[in-house]
Amino acid sequence: MAKYGPKASEKVEKAMHEMKEGKLRSSSGQKVTSRKQAVAIGLSEAREAGGKVPQPSGKKH
């Protein structure tokens, strides 16, 4: 099981909150409505900020 640091939890929580308020935007500028996409954005931000987040898994065949 993947281990996530506290920074990852904070970033995901912030992204979910913004999505629920309708303020979260994707990189293309469109409003995010998917829960999964909000989590992915939060994890990506945590990864960029140097948080303890496992690398995204590649495509599985």
C-alpha atoms as a PDB file:
ATOM      1  CA  MET A   1       0.000   0.000   0.000  1.00  0.00           C
ATOM      2  CA  ALA A   2       1.229   3.466  -0.865  1.00  0.00           C
ATOM      3  CA  LYS A   3       2.326   5.764   1.941  1.00  0.00           C
ATOM      4  CA  TYR A   4       1.444   9.426   1.710  1.00  0.00           C
ATOM      5  CA  GLY A   5       2.858  12.269   3.799  1.00  0.00           C
ATOM      6  CA  PRO A   6       0.868  14.953   5.628  1.00  0.00           C
ATOM      7  CA  LYS A   7       1.543  17.521   2.868  1.00  0.00           C
ATOM      8  CA  ALA A   8      -0.234  15.243   0.378  1.00  0.00           C
ATOM      9  CA  SER A   9      -3.255  15.039   2.657  1.00  0.00           C
ATOM     10  CA  GLU A  10      -3.408  18.821   3.006  1.00  0.00           C
ATOM     11  CA  LYS A  11      -3.147  19.421  -0.753  1.00  0.00           C
ATOM     12  CA  VAL A  12      -5.839  16.841  -1.572  1.00  0.00           C
ATOM     13  CA  GLU A  13      -8.132  18.276   1.098  1.00  0.00           C
ATOM     14  CA  LYS A  14      -7.648  21.781  -0.344  1.00  0.00           C
ATOM     15  CA  ALA A  15      -8.314  20.566  -3.899  1.00  0.00           C
ATOM     16  CA  MET A  16     -11.504  18.760  -2.810  1.00  0.00           C
ATOM     17  CA  HIS A  17     -12.718  21.863  -0.990  1.00  0.00           C
ATOM     18  CA  GLU A  18     -12.093  24.040  -4.049  1.00  0.00           C
ATOM     19  CA  MET A  19     -13.869  21.511  -6.292  1.00  0.00           C
ATOM     20  CA  LYS A  20     -16.942  21.522  -4.056  1.00  0.00           C
ATOM     21  CA  GLU A  21     -17.002  25.343  -4.163  1.00  0.00           C
ATOM     22  CA  GLY A  22     -16.651  25.251  -7.957  1.00  0.00           C
ATOM     23  CA  LYS A  23     -13.330  27.094  -7.961  1.00  0.00           C
ATOM     24  CA  LEU A  24     -10.961  24.262  -8.961  1.00  0.00           C
ATOM     25  CA  ARG A  25      -9.768  24.478 -12.559  1.00  0.00           C
ATOM     26  CA  SER A  26      -7.789  22.011 -14.634  1.00  0.00           C
ATOM     27  CA  SER A  27      -4.661  23.011 -16.537  1.00  0.00           C
ATOM     28  CA  SER A  28      -6.798  23.752 -19.599  1.00  0.00           C
ATOM     29  CA  GLY A  29      -8.928  26.168 -17.563  1.00  0.00           C
ATOM     30  CA  GLN A  30     -12.107  24.093 -17.409  1.00  0.00           C
ATOM     31  CA  LYS A  31     -13.983  23.566 -14.157  1.00  0.00           C
ATOM     32  CA  VAL A  32     -13.206  20.266 -12.425  1.00  0.00           C
ATOM     33  CA  THR A  33     -16.304  18.247 -11.518  1.00  0.00           C
ATOM     34  CA  SER A  34     -14.767  14.802 -11.048  1.00  0.00           C
ATOM     35  CA  ARG A  35     -13.766  13.671  -7.556  1.00  0.00           C
ATOM     36  CA  LYS A  36     -10.959  11.536  -8.996  1.00  0.00           C
ATOM     37  CA  GLN A  37      -9.573  14.447 -10.985  1.00  0.00           C
ATOM     38  CA  ALA A  38      -9.590  16.650  -7.875  1.00  0.00           C
ATOM     39  CA  VAL A  39      -7.586  14.017  -5.969  1.00  0.00           C
ATOM     40  CA  ALA A  40      -5.126  13.720  -8.862  1.00  0.00           C
ATOM     41  CA  ILE A  41      -4.629  17.495  -8.938  1.00  0.00           C
ATOM     42  CA  GLY A  42      -4.053  17.549  -5.156  1.00  0.00           C
ATOM     43  CA  LEU A  43      -1.468  14.759  -5.364  1.00  0.00           C
ATOM     44  CA  SER A  44       0.264  16.458  -8.264  1.00  0.00           C
ATOM     45  CA  GLU A  45       0.519  19.727  -6.313  1.00  0.00           C
ATOM     46  CA  ALA A  46       1.897  17.851  -3.299  1.00  0.00           C
ATOM     47  CA  ARG A  47       4.468  16.129  -5.507  1.00  0.00           C
ATOM     48  CA  GLU A  48       5.603  19.496  -6.896  1.00  0.00           C
ATOM     49  CA  ALA A  49       5.825  20.938  -3.372  1.00  0.00           C
ATOM     50  CA  GLY A  50       8.171  18.132  -2.322  1.00  0.00           C
ATOM     51  CA  GLY A  51       5.693  16.082  -0.314  1.00  0.00           C
ATOM     52  CA  LYS A  52       5.965  12.349   0.225  1.00  0.00           C
ATOM     53  CA  VAL A  53       3.846  11.015  -2.635  1.00  0.00           C
ATOM     54  CA  PRO A  54       4.547   7.843  -4.670  1.00  0.00           C
ATOM     55  CA  GLN A  55       5.111   8.313  -8.380  1.00  0.00           C
ATOM     56  CA  PRO A  56       2.021   7.785 -10.539  1.00  0.00           C
ATOM     57  CA  SER A  57       1.725   4.258 -11.875  1.00  0.00           C
ATOM     58  CA  GLY A  58       2.138   3.737 -15.605  1.00  0.00           C
ATOM     59  CA  LYS A  59      -0.356   2.134 -17.911  1.00  0.00           C
ATOM     60  CA  LYS A  60      -0.973  -1.514 -17.132  1.00  0.00           C
ATOM     61  CA  HIS A  61      -1.477  -4.049 -19.892  1.00  0.00           C
END
